[in-house]
Structure formats: C-alpha cells, structure tokens
Amino acid sequence: MSCIPKPKMRGLHLASCRRHIILAVITSACSGLLWKLFVADPRKKAYRDYYLDYDAEFSAEYMSEYLQSGNHNGDH
C-alpha cells in the first residue's frame, strides 16, 4: 500500500502572498512604463509641437469673433 505524501501547508499562505505581491509590483511597474512611453510622452510632444508655433494674438482675434464680451474692434 502506497502512502500519499501530506501536502505542504506550513508557510503556504505566506509564499502565496509573497508571490502575488512580487507579481503586482512587476505588473504595475510595467504598466507605468508602458503608459509613460505610449501615452504621456506622445501627449507631451503634441503639446510641445502645438505651442511652438502658437500665436496668442491670432487666437484672441479669432475667438473674439465668437464671444460677445470679446469685442476688441468697438463695432457694437
């Protein structure tokens, strides 16, 4: 008759928690790096490119056509 070995129960919860914490840290670090590379950096570049040739005077003139309080010409 063969004996079935007893399962290792001592320290099982601690080992499981340790494994899950390590996996969570690795996953969150990878997610943060991927977010930075594929979302934050392109967004920064888009803002930088937009404001390189941004003309505030032109934007103010353009918006004043549509806003009632922005009457800079004195027509009304």
C-alpha atoms as a PDB file:
ATOM      1  CA  MET A   1       0.000   0.000   0.000  1.00  0.00           C
ATOM      2  CA  SER A   2       1.487   3.329  -1.018  1.00  0.00           C
ATOM      3  CA  CYS A   3       1.253   6.353   1.203  1.00  0.00           C
ATOM      4  CA  ILE A   4       0.130   9.655  -0.224  1.00  0.00           C
ATOM      5  CA  PRO A   5       2.507  12.384   0.937  1.00  0.00           C
ATOM      6  CA  LYS A   6       0.994  15.122   3.051  1.00  0.00           C
ATOM      7  CA  PRO A   7       0.643  18.494   1.329  1.00  0.00           C
ATOM      8  CA  LYS A   8       2.944  21.265   2.473  1.00  0.00           C
ATOM      9  CA  MET A   9       0.638  23.562   4.419  1.00  0.00           C
ATOM     10  CA  ARG A  10       3.147  25.374   6.587  1.00  0.00           C
ATOM     11  CA  GLY A  11       4.022  28.742   5.061  1.00  0.00           C
ATOM     12  CA  LEU A  12       1.706  28.251   2.088  1.00  0.00           C
ATOM     13  CA  HIS A  13      -0.205  31.482   2.694  1.00  0.00           C
ATOM     14  CA  LEU A  14       2.986  33.491   3.175  1.00  0.00           C
ATOM     15  CA  ALA A  15       4.506  32.072  -0.010  1.00  0.00           C
ATOM     16  CA  SER A  16       1.320  32.809  -1.933  1.00  0.00           C
ATOM     17  CA  CYS A  17       1.174  36.387  -0.643  1.00  0.00           C
ATOM     18  CA  ARG A  18       4.837  36.959  -1.427  1.00  0.00           C
ATOM     19  CA  ARG A  19       4.369  35.657  -4.987  1.00  0.00           C
ATOM     20  CA  HIS A  20       1.301  37.826  -5.568  1.00  0.00           C
ATOM     21  CA  ILE A  21       2.991  40.948  -4.186  1.00  0.00           C
ATOM     22  CA  ILE A  22       6.008  40.430  -6.431  1.00  0.00           C
ATOM     23  CA  LEU A  23       3.768  39.908  -9.455  1.00  0.00           C
ATOM     24  CA  ALA A  24       1.720  43.007  -8.573  1.00  0.00           C
ATOM     25  CA  VAL A  25       4.850  45.167  -8.291  1.00  0.00           C
ATOM     26  CA  ILE A  26       6.222  43.897 -11.607  1.00  0.00           C
ATOM     27  CA  THR A  27       2.868  44.369 -13.342  1.00  0.00           C
ATOM     28  CA  SER A  28       2.379  47.888 -12.025  1.00  0.00           C
ATOM     29  CA  ALA A  29       5.938  48.899 -12.962  1.00  0.00           C
ATOM     30  CA  CYS A  30       5.460  47.574 -16.492  1.00  0.00           C
ATOM     31  CA  SER A  31       2.078  49.293 -16.775  1.00  0.00           C
ATOM     32  CA  GLY A  32       3.539  52.594 -15.606  1.00  0.00           C
ATOM     33  CA  LEU A  33       6.410  52.352 -18.066  1.00  0.00           C
ATOM     34  CA  LEU A  34       4.089  51.484 -20.955  1.00  0.00           C
ATOM     35  CA  TRP A  35       1.747  54.370 -20.022  1.00  0.00           C
ATOM     36  CA  LYS A  36       4.688  56.768 -19.992  1.00  0.00           C
ATOM     37  CA  LEU A  37       6.022  55.548 -23.338  1.00  0.00           C
ATOM     38  CA  PHE A  38       2.750  55.286 -25.238  1.00  0.00           C
ATOM     39  CA  VAL A  39       0.529  57.961 -23.648  1.00  0.00           C
ATOM     40  CA  ALA A  40       2.422  60.575 -21.643  1.00  0.00           C
ATOM     41  CA  ASP A  41       5.404  61.127 -23.954  1.00  0.00           C
ATOM     42  CA  PRO A  42       3.295  61.474 -27.149  1.00  0.00           C
ATOM     43  CA  ARG A  43       0.956  63.838 -25.280  1.00  0.00           C
ATOM     44  CA  LYS A  44       3.925  65.948 -24.152  1.00  0.00           C
ATOM     45  CA  LYS A  45       5.256  66.013 -27.691  1.00  0.00           C
ATOM     46  CA  ALA A  46       1.861  67.049 -29.066  1.00  0.00           C
ATOM     47  CA  TYR A  47       1.612  69.938 -26.588  1.00  0.00           C
ATOM     48  CA  ARG A  48       5.196  70.983 -27.322  1.00  0.00           C
ATOM     49  CA  ASP A  49       4.569  70.948 -31.081  1.00  0.00           C
ATOM     50  CA  TYR A  50       1.314  72.880 -30.665  1.00  0.00           C
ATOM     51  CA  TYR A  51       2.856  75.644 -28.590  1.00  0.00           C
ATOM     52  CA  LEU A  52       5.967  76.029 -30.752  1.00  0.00           C
ATOM     53  CA  ASP A  53       4.030  77.969 -33.371  1.00  0.00           C
ATOM     54  CA  TYR A  54       1.147  79.174 -31.180  1.00  0.00           C
ATOM     55  CA  ASP A  55       0.149  82.772 -31.833  1.00  0.00           C
ATOM     56  CA  ALA A  56      -1.795  84.195 -28.902  1.00  0.00           C
ATOM     57  CA  GLU A  57      -2.800  87.386 -30.750  1.00  0.00           C
ATOM     58  CA  PHE A  58      -4.281  85.423 -33.633  1.00  0.00           C
ATOM     59  CA  SER A  59      -6.182  83.163 -31.238  1.00  0.00           C
ATOM     60  CA  ALA A  60      -7.569  86.151 -29.332  1.00  0.00           C
ATOM     61  CA  GLU A  61      -8.736  87.771 -32.571  1.00  0.00           C
ATOM     62  CA  TYR A  62     -10.258  84.515 -33.777  1.00  0.00           C
ATOM     63  CA  MET A  63     -12.105  83.877 -30.504  1.00  0.00           C
ATOM     64  CA  SER A  64     -13.341  87.465 -30.250  1.00  0.00           C
ATOM     65  CA  GLU A  65     -15.471  86.854 -33.337  1.00  0.00           C
ATOM     66  CA  TYR A  66     -17.451  84.227 -31.426  1.00  0.00           C
ATOM     67  CA  LEU A  67     -17.534  85.693 -27.916  1.00  0.00           C
ATOM     68  CA  GLN A  68     -19.839  88.562 -27.073  1.00  0.00           C
ATOM     69  CA  SER A  69     -17.616  90.017 -24.357  1.00  0.00           C
ATOM     70  CA  GLY A  70     -14.551  89.933 -26.590  1.00  0.00           C
ATOM     71  CA  ASN A  71     -15.432  92.981 -28.695  1.00  0.00           C
ATOM     72  CA  HIS A  72     -11.983  94.388 -29.434  1.00  0.00           C
ATOM     73  CA  ASN A  73     -12.988  96.278 -32.600  1.00  0.00           C
ATOM     74  CA  GLY A  74     -15.578  98.549 -30.981  1.00  0.00           C
ATOM     75  CA  ASP A  75     -18.227  97.764 -33.614  1.00  0.00           C
ATOM     76  CA  HIS A  76     -21.132  97.169 -31.230  1.00  0.00           C
END
